[in-house]
């Protein structure tokens, strides 16, 4: 299963997908805030969201899995 990972360290600003949703390469699945800047997290894969491993307000590090696709 492909994972969508945080590309920077920051705070989860929003989760822009839900379990069961189909996503395409380039879709934004979450928004991170780092150093007062909002950074979209885009999927590199087509698939269906099977698990969301983050929540709004959570601190994440670069490489943390945010969303799991199937």
C-alpha atoms as a PDB file:
ATOM      1  CA  UNK A   1       0.000   0.000   0.000  1.00  0.00           C
ATOM      2  CA  UNK A   2       1.394   3.415  -0.906  1.00  0.00           C
ATOM      3  CA  UNK A   3       1.748   5.979   1.854  1.00  0.00           C
ATOM      4  CA  UNK A   4       1.477   9.743   1.640  1.00  0.00           C
ATOM      5  CA  UNK A   5       4.153  11.219   3.903  1.00  0.00           C
ATOM      6  CA  UNK A   6       4.844  14.662   5.344  1.00  0.00           C
ATOM      7  CA  UNK A   7       7.508  16.411   3.260  1.00  0.00           C
ATOM      8  CA  UNK A   8       8.294  18.921   6.040  1.00  0.00           C
ATOM      9  CA  UNK A   9       8.099  19.158   9.815  1.00  0.00           C
ATOM     10  CA  UNK A  10       5.043  21.119  10.888  1.00  0.00           C
ATOM     11  CA  UNK A  11       1.504  21.135  12.249  1.00  0.00           C
ATOM     12  CA  UNK A  12      -1.427  19.506  10.441  1.00  0.00           C
ATOM     13  CA  UNK A  13      -3.542  22.498   9.405  1.00  0.00           C
ATOM     14  CA  UNK A  14      -6.277  20.504   7.626  1.00  0.00           C
ATOM     15  CA  UNK A  15      -7.068  16.986   6.427  1.00  0.00           C
ATOM     16  CA  UNK A  16      -8.563  17.282   2.952  1.00  0.00           C
ATOM     17  CA  UNK A  17      -9.664  13.694   2.347  1.00  0.00           C
ATOM     18  CA  UNK A  18     -11.709  10.998   4.029  1.00  0.00           C
ATOM     19  CA  UNK A  19     -11.578   7.209   4.256  1.00  0.00           C
ATOM     20  CA  UNK A  20     -13.067   5.663   1.124  1.00  0.00           C
ATOM     21  CA  UNK A  21     -12.364   8.699  -1.062  1.00  0.00           C
ATOM     22  CA  UNK A  22     -10.694   8.111  -4.410  1.00  0.00           C
ATOM     23  CA  UNK A  23      -7.689  10.364  -5.067  1.00  0.00           C
ATOM     24  CA  UNK A  24      -5.558  10.975  -8.137  1.00  0.00           C
ATOM     25  CA  UNK A  25      -1.867  11.823  -8.397  1.00  0.00           C
ATOM     26  CA  UNK A  26      -1.445  15.510  -7.491  1.00  0.00           C
ATOM     27  CA  UNK A  27      -4.548  15.759  -5.275  1.00  0.00           C
ATOM     28  CA  UNK A  28      -4.052  17.576  -1.970  1.00  0.00           C
ATOM     29  CA  UNK A  29      -4.799  15.245   0.958  1.00  0.00           C
ATOM     30  CA  UNK A  30      -3.656  17.502   3.809  1.00  0.00           C
ATOM     31  CA  UNK A  31      -2.267  20.952   4.534  1.00  0.00           C
ATOM     32  CA  UNK A  32       0.696  21.518   6.846  1.00  0.00           C
ATOM     33  CA  UNK A  33       1.735  24.764   8.525  1.00  0.00           C
ATOM     34  CA  UNK A  34       5.428  25.392   9.020  1.00  0.00           C
ATOM     35  CA  UNK A  35       7.094  28.705   9.826  1.00  0.00           C
ATOM     36  CA  UNK A  36       3.795  30.584   9.221  1.00  0.00           C
ATOM     37  CA  UNK A  37       3.482  29.093   5.719  1.00  0.00           C
ATOM     38  CA  UNK A  38       0.800  26.658   4.530  1.00  0.00           C
ATOM     39  CA  UNK A  39       2.206  23.744   2.528  1.00  0.00           C
ATOM     40  CA  UNK A  40      -0.083  21.326   0.647  1.00  0.00           C
ATOM     41  CA  UNK A  41       0.646  17.605   0.900  1.00  0.00           C
ATOM     42  CA  UNK A  42      -0.141  16.017  -2.450  1.00  0.00           C
ATOM     43  CA  UNK A  43      -0.380  12.331  -3.257  1.00  0.00           C
ATOM     44  CA  UNK A  44       2.031  10.860  -5.778  1.00  0.00           C
ATOM     45  CA  UNK A  45      -0.333   7.947  -6.455  1.00  0.00           C
ATOM     46  CA  UNK A  46      -3.854   7.177  -7.631  1.00  0.00           C
ATOM     47  CA  UNK A  47      -5.838   5.158  -5.104  1.00  0.00           C
ATOM     48  CA  UNK A  48      -8.486   5.003  -2.424  1.00  0.00           C
ATOM     49  CA  UNK A  49      -7.880   6.420   1.064  1.00  0.00           C
ATOM     50  CA  UNK A  50      -7.865   3.435   3.439  1.00  0.00           C
ATOM     51  CA  UNK A  51      -6.547   5.142   6.584  1.00  0.00           C
ATOM     52  CA  UNK A  52      -5.872   8.642   7.860  1.00  0.00           C
ATOM     53  CA  UNK A  53      -3.009   8.649  10.367  1.00  0.00           C
ATOM     54  CA  UNK A  54      -3.074  12.323  11.375  1.00  0.00           C
ATOM     55  CA  UNK A  55      -5.480  14.888  12.788  1.00  0.00           C
ATOM     56  CA  UNK A  56      -5.748  18.655  12.757  1.00  0.00           C
ATOM     57  CA  UNK A  57      -3.368  20.258  15.265  1.00  0.00           C
ATOM     58  CA  UNK A  58      -1.000  17.294  15.381  1.00  0.00           C
ATOM     59  CA  UNK A  59       2.744  17.902  15.103  1.00  0.00           C
ATOM     60  CA  UNK A  60       4.396  15.801  12.389  1.00  0.00           C
ATOM     61  CA  UNK A  61       7.958  15.287  11.266  1.00  0.00           C
ATOM     62  CA  UNK A  62       9.275  14.926   7.745  1.00  0.00           C
ATOM     63  CA  UNK A  63       8.616  11.345   6.635  1.00  0.00           C
ATOM     64  CA  UNK A  64       5.682  10.689   8.982  1.00  0.00           C
ATOM     65  CA  UNK A  65       2.866   8.786   7.247  1.00  0.00           C
ATOM     66  CA  UNK A  66      -0.254  10.979   7.011  1.00  0.00           C
ATOM     67  CA  UNK A  67      -2.508   8.953   4.712  1.00  0.00           C
ATOM     68  CA  UNK A  68      -2.492   5.314   3.542  1.00  0.00           C
ATOM     69  CA  UNK A  69      -3.860   4.451   0.088  1.00  0.00           C
ATOM     70  CA  UNK A  70      -4.917   1.120  -1.375  1.00  0.00           C
END
